[in-house]
N, C-alpha and C. Protein backbone atom coordinates (compact mmCIF):
# COMPACT_ATOMS: atom_id res chain seq x y z
N UNK A 1 185.87 -40.47 74.86
CA UNK A 1 186.92 -39.70 75.53
C UNK A 1 187.14 -38.36 74.84
N UNK A 2 187.02 -38.32 73.52
CA UNK A 2 187.25 -37.07 72.80
C UNK A 2 186.25 -35.98 73.18
N UNK A 3 185.04 -36.39 73.54
CA UNK A 3 184.02 -35.40 73.89
C UNK A 3 184.25 -34.81 75.28
N UNK A 4 185.11 -35.40 76.08
CA UNK A 4 185.35 -34.95 77.44
C UNK A 4 186.51 -33.96 77.54
N UNK A 5 187.07 -33.56 76.41
CA UNK A 5 188.21 -32.64 76.45
C UNK A 5 187.75 -31.24 76.83
N UNK A 6 188.60 -30.52 77.56
CA UNK A 6 188.27 -29.17 77.98
C UNK A 6 188.28 -28.22 76.79
N UNK A 7 187.30 -27.33 76.73
CA UNK A 7 187.23 -26.29 75.72
C UNK A 7 187.19 -24.96 76.46
N UNK A 8 188.13 -24.08 76.14
CA UNK A 8 188.22 -22.79 76.82
C UNK A 8 188.26 -21.66 75.80
N UNK A 9 187.77 -20.49 76.20
CA UNK A 9 187.82 -19.30 75.34
C UNK A 9 188.64 -18.25 76.06
N UNK A 10 189.61 -17.68 75.34
CA UNK A 10 190.48 -16.67 75.94
C UNK A 10 191.03 -15.72 74.90
N UNK A 11 191.91 -14.84 75.37
CA UNK A 11 192.50 -13.80 74.52
C UNK A 11 193.98 -14.09 74.33
N UNK A 12 194.46 -13.94 73.10
CA UNK A 12 195.88 -14.16 72.79
C UNK A 12 196.67 -12.97 73.35
N UNK A 13 197.64 -13.27 74.22
CA UNK A 13 198.46 -12.19 74.79
C UNK A 13 199.89 -12.22 74.26
N UNK A 14 200.26 -13.30 73.55
CA UNK A 14 201.58 -13.37 72.94
C UNK A 14 201.53 -14.28 71.73
N UNK A 15 202.14 -13.81 70.63
CA UNK A 15 202.24 -14.64 69.42
C UNK A 15 203.65 -14.62 68.86
N UNK A 16 204.62 -14.41 69.72
CA UNK A 16 206.01 -14.26 69.29
C UNK A 16 206.69 -15.58 68.94
N UNK A 17 206.16 -16.70 69.44
CA UNK A 17 206.77 -18.00 69.16
C UNK A 17 206.24 -18.57 67.85
N UNK A 18 206.99 -19.49 67.28
CA UNK A 18 206.57 -20.14 66.03
C UNK A 18 205.57 -21.25 66.35
N UNK A 19 204.37 -21.18 65.75
CA UNK A 19 203.30 -22.17 65.91
C UNK A 19 202.81 -22.30 67.35
N UNK A 20 203.02 -21.28 68.17
CA UNK A 20 202.56 -21.29 69.55
C UNK A 20 202.02 -19.92 69.92
N UNK A 21 200.91 -19.90 70.63
CA UNK A 21 200.36 -18.66 71.17
C UNK A 21 200.11 -18.85 72.66
N UNK A 22 200.18 -17.75 73.41
CA UNK A 22 199.85 -17.78 74.82
C UNK A 22 198.46 -17.18 74.96
N UNK A 23 197.55 -17.96 75.54
CA UNK A 23 196.15 -17.55 75.67
C UNK A 23 195.83 -17.33 77.14
N UNK A 24 195.25 -16.17 77.45
CA UNK A 24 194.86 -15.84 78.81
C UNK A 24 193.37 -16.11 78.97
N UNK A 25 193.03 -17.03 79.89
CA UNK A 25 191.64 -17.41 80.12
C UNK A 25 191.22 -16.88 81.49
N UNK A 26 190.16 -16.08 81.51
CA UNK A 26 189.65 -15.51 82.77
C UNK A 26 188.36 -16.22 83.16
N UNK A 27 188.28 -16.64 84.42
CA UNK A 27 187.06 -17.25 84.95
C UNK A 27 186.66 -16.50 86.21
N UNK A 28 185.37 -16.52 86.52
CA UNK A 28 184.90 -15.89 87.75
C UNK A 28 184.42 -16.97 88.70
N UNK A 29 184.74 -16.77 89.97
CA UNK A 29 184.35 -17.71 91.01
C UNK A 29 183.83 -16.93 92.20
N UNK A 30 182.94 -17.53 92.93
CA UNK A 30 182.43 -16.92 94.14
C UNK A 30 183.21 -17.46 95.33
N UNK A 31 183.63 -16.58 96.23
CA UNK A 31 184.37 -17.00 97.41
C UNK A 31 183.47 -17.88 98.27
N UNK A 32 183.99 -19.03 98.76
CA UNK A 32 183.13 -19.97 99.47
C UNK A 32 182.51 -19.42 100.76
N UNK A 33 183.19 -18.53 101.45
CA UNK A 33 182.68 -18.01 102.73
C UNK A 33 182.06 -16.62 102.56
N UNK A 34 182.78 -15.71 101.91
CA UNK A 34 182.35 -14.32 101.86
C UNK A 34 181.42 -14.00 100.70
N UNK A 35 181.38 -14.85 99.68
CA UNK A 35 180.46 -14.64 98.59
C UNK A 35 180.90 -13.63 97.54
N UNK A 36 182.06 -13.03 97.73
CA UNK A 36 182.55 -12.04 96.76
C UNK A 36 182.95 -12.75 95.47
N UNK A 37 182.65 -12.11 94.34
CA UNK A 37 183.00 -12.68 93.04
C UNK A 37 184.46 -12.34 92.74
N UNK A 38 185.26 -13.38 92.52
CA UNK A 38 186.69 -13.21 92.25
C UNK A 38 186.97 -13.58 90.80
N UNK A 39 187.88 -12.85 90.19
CA UNK A 39 188.27 -13.11 88.81
C UNK A 39 189.62 -13.82 88.82
N UNK A 40 189.64 -15.03 88.28
CA UNK A 40 190.87 -15.82 88.19
C UNK A 40 191.37 -15.78 86.75
N UNK A 41 192.67 -15.59 86.58
CA UNK A 41 193.26 -15.55 85.25
C UNK A 41 194.35 -16.62 85.17
N UNK A 42 194.31 -17.40 84.09
CA UNK A 42 195.33 -18.43 83.88
C UNK A 42 195.82 -18.35 82.45
N UNK A 43 197.11 -18.61 82.25
CA UNK A 43 197.71 -18.57 80.92
C UNK A 43 197.97 -19.99 80.43
N UNK A 44 197.64 -20.23 79.17
CA UNK A 44 197.87 -21.53 78.55
C UNK A 44 198.67 -21.31 77.27
N UNK A 45 199.65 -22.19 77.01
CA UNK A 45 200.32 -22.19 75.72
C UNK A 45 199.54 -23.13 74.81
N UNK A 46 199.20 -22.65 73.62
CA UNK A 46 198.38 -23.44 72.70
C UNK A 46 199.06 -23.53 71.34
N UNK A 47 198.86 -24.65 70.68
CA UNK A 47 199.46 -24.91 69.37
C UNK A 47 198.63 -24.25 68.28
N UNK A 48 199.29 -23.44 67.45
CA UNK A 48 198.63 -22.75 66.33
C UNK A 48 199.38 -23.13 65.06
N UNK A 49 198.93 -24.18 64.41
CA UNK A 49 199.66 -24.77 63.27
C UNK A 49 199.90 -23.79 62.14
N UNK A 50 198.94 -22.93 61.85
CA UNK A 50 199.05 -22.04 60.69
C UNK A 50 199.58 -20.66 61.02
N UNK A 51 199.94 -20.39 62.26
CA UNK A 51 200.39 -19.06 62.71
C UNK A 51 199.38 -17.98 62.33
N UNK A 52 198.10 -18.29 62.45
CA UNK A 52 197.03 -17.39 62.03
C UNK A 52 196.61 -16.42 63.13
N UNK A 53 196.80 -16.77 64.39
CA UNK A 53 196.36 -15.94 65.52
C UNK A 53 197.26 -14.73 65.69
N UNK A 54 196.65 -13.62 66.02
CA UNK A 54 197.37 -12.38 66.28
C UNK A 54 197.08 -11.88 67.69
N UNK A 55 197.87 -10.95 68.15
CA UNK A 55 197.73 -10.37 69.48
C UNK A 55 196.35 -9.74 69.65
N UNK A 56 195.65 -10.11 70.73
CA UNK A 56 194.34 -9.55 71.01
C UNK A 56 193.17 -10.35 70.45
N UNK A 57 193.44 -11.37 69.64
CA UNK A 57 192.35 -12.20 69.10
C UNK A 57 191.70 -13.01 70.22
N UNK A 58 190.39 -13.20 70.10
CA UNK A 58 189.66 -14.07 71.03
C UNK A 58 189.57 -15.44 70.37
N UNK A 59 190.10 -16.47 71.02
CA UNK A 59 190.20 -17.80 70.41
C UNK A 59 189.60 -18.87 71.31
N UNK A 60 189.24 -19.98 70.67
CA UNK A 60 188.79 -21.16 71.42
C UNK A 60 189.91 -22.19 71.36
N UNK A 61 190.27 -22.74 72.53
CA UNK A 61 191.32 -23.76 72.58
C UNK A 61 190.71 -25.04 73.14
N UNK A 62 191.31 -26.17 72.75
CA UNK A 62 190.83 -27.47 73.19
C UNK A 62 192.00 -28.29 73.71
N UNK A 63 191.73 -29.07 74.73
CA UNK A 63 192.75 -29.92 75.33
C UNK A 63 193.17 -30.99 74.33
N UNK A 64 194.49 -31.27 74.26
CA UNK A 64 194.99 -32.27 73.33
C UNK A 64 196.14 -33.04 73.98
N UNK A 65 196.71 -33.92 73.20
CA UNK A 65 197.86 -34.67 73.72
C UNK A 65 199.03 -33.71 73.96
N UNK A 66 199.98 -34.06 74.80
CA UNK A 66 201.14 -33.18 75.00
C UNK A 66 201.91 -32.97 73.69
N UNK A 67 202.06 -31.71 73.30
CA UNK A 67 202.75 -31.37 72.06
C UNK A 67 204.20 -31.03 72.35
N UNK A 68 204.43 -30.39 73.50
CA UNK A 68 205.79 -30.10 73.95
C UNK A 68 205.77 -30.06 75.47
N UNK A 69 206.81 -29.54 76.06
CA UNK A 69 206.92 -29.54 77.52
C UNK A 69 205.77 -28.78 78.19
N UNK A 70 205.35 -27.65 77.61
CA UNK A 70 204.32 -26.83 78.22
C UNK A 70 203.00 -26.79 77.44
N UNK A 71 203.01 -27.26 76.20
CA UNK A 71 201.81 -27.16 75.36
C UNK A 71 200.92 -28.40 75.52
N UNK A 72 199.67 -28.15 75.98
CA UNK A 72 198.70 -29.22 76.13
C UNK A 72 197.36 -28.85 75.49
N UNK A 73 197.33 -27.72 74.78
CA UNK A 73 196.11 -27.24 74.13
C UNK A 73 196.40 -26.90 72.68
N UNK A 74 195.34 -26.92 71.86
CA UNK A 74 195.43 -26.51 70.45
C UNK A 74 194.35 -25.50 70.17
N UNK A 75 194.65 -24.55 69.28
CA UNK A 75 193.66 -23.55 68.88
C UNK A 75 192.71 -24.21 67.88
N UNK A 76 191.40 -24.16 68.17
CA UNK A 76 190.42 -24.74 67.27
C UNK A 76 189.83 -23.68 66.33
N UNK A 77 189.55 -22.49 66.87
CA UNK A 77 188.97 -21.45 66.02
C UNK A 77 189.23 -20.07 66.61
N UNK A 78 189.16 -19.07 65.71
CA UNK A 78 189.27 -17.69 66.14
C UNK A 78 187.84 -17.16 66.26
N UNK A 79 187.42 -16.85 67.48
CA UNK A 79 186.06 -16.40 67.73
C UNK A 79 185.87 -14.96 67.26
N UNK A 80 186.87 -14.10 67.57
CA UNK A 80 186.75 -12.68 67.22
C UNK A 80 188.16 -12.13 66.96
N UNK A 81 188.29 -11.38 65.89
CA UNK A 81 189.58 -10.76 65.56
C UNK A 81 189.81 -9.51 66.40
N UNK A 82 191.07 -9.18 66.65
CA UNK A 82 191.41 -7.96 67.39
C UNK A 82 191.10 -6.75 66.52
N UNK A 83 190.70 -5.67 67.16
CA UNK A 83 190.36 -4.47 66.44
C UNK A 83 191.58 -3.62 66.16
C-alpha cells in the first residue's frame, strides 16, 4: 500500500503557516474532443516538519495520512531551491 501513494512535484506558493506549505501542482491534459492541451493547476497543503521550504522552491510531496483538516500530503524533498 505504501508504494501506491501519490507523488507530485510542484512549487511552493505560500510558507506563512507553521509547519505547513501550500504547493501548486500544474498538470497538462488534452481536451477529449478538441485535442487542445489544457494546463490544470491545483493547490495542496503539505506538512513541512522542519520549516525548511521557502517561497518559490520546487518540492516533491507524497500522499500521507490526514494530518489536519486540509493536510493530506507531506514534503519529502526539495528538488530545486528558489533563485
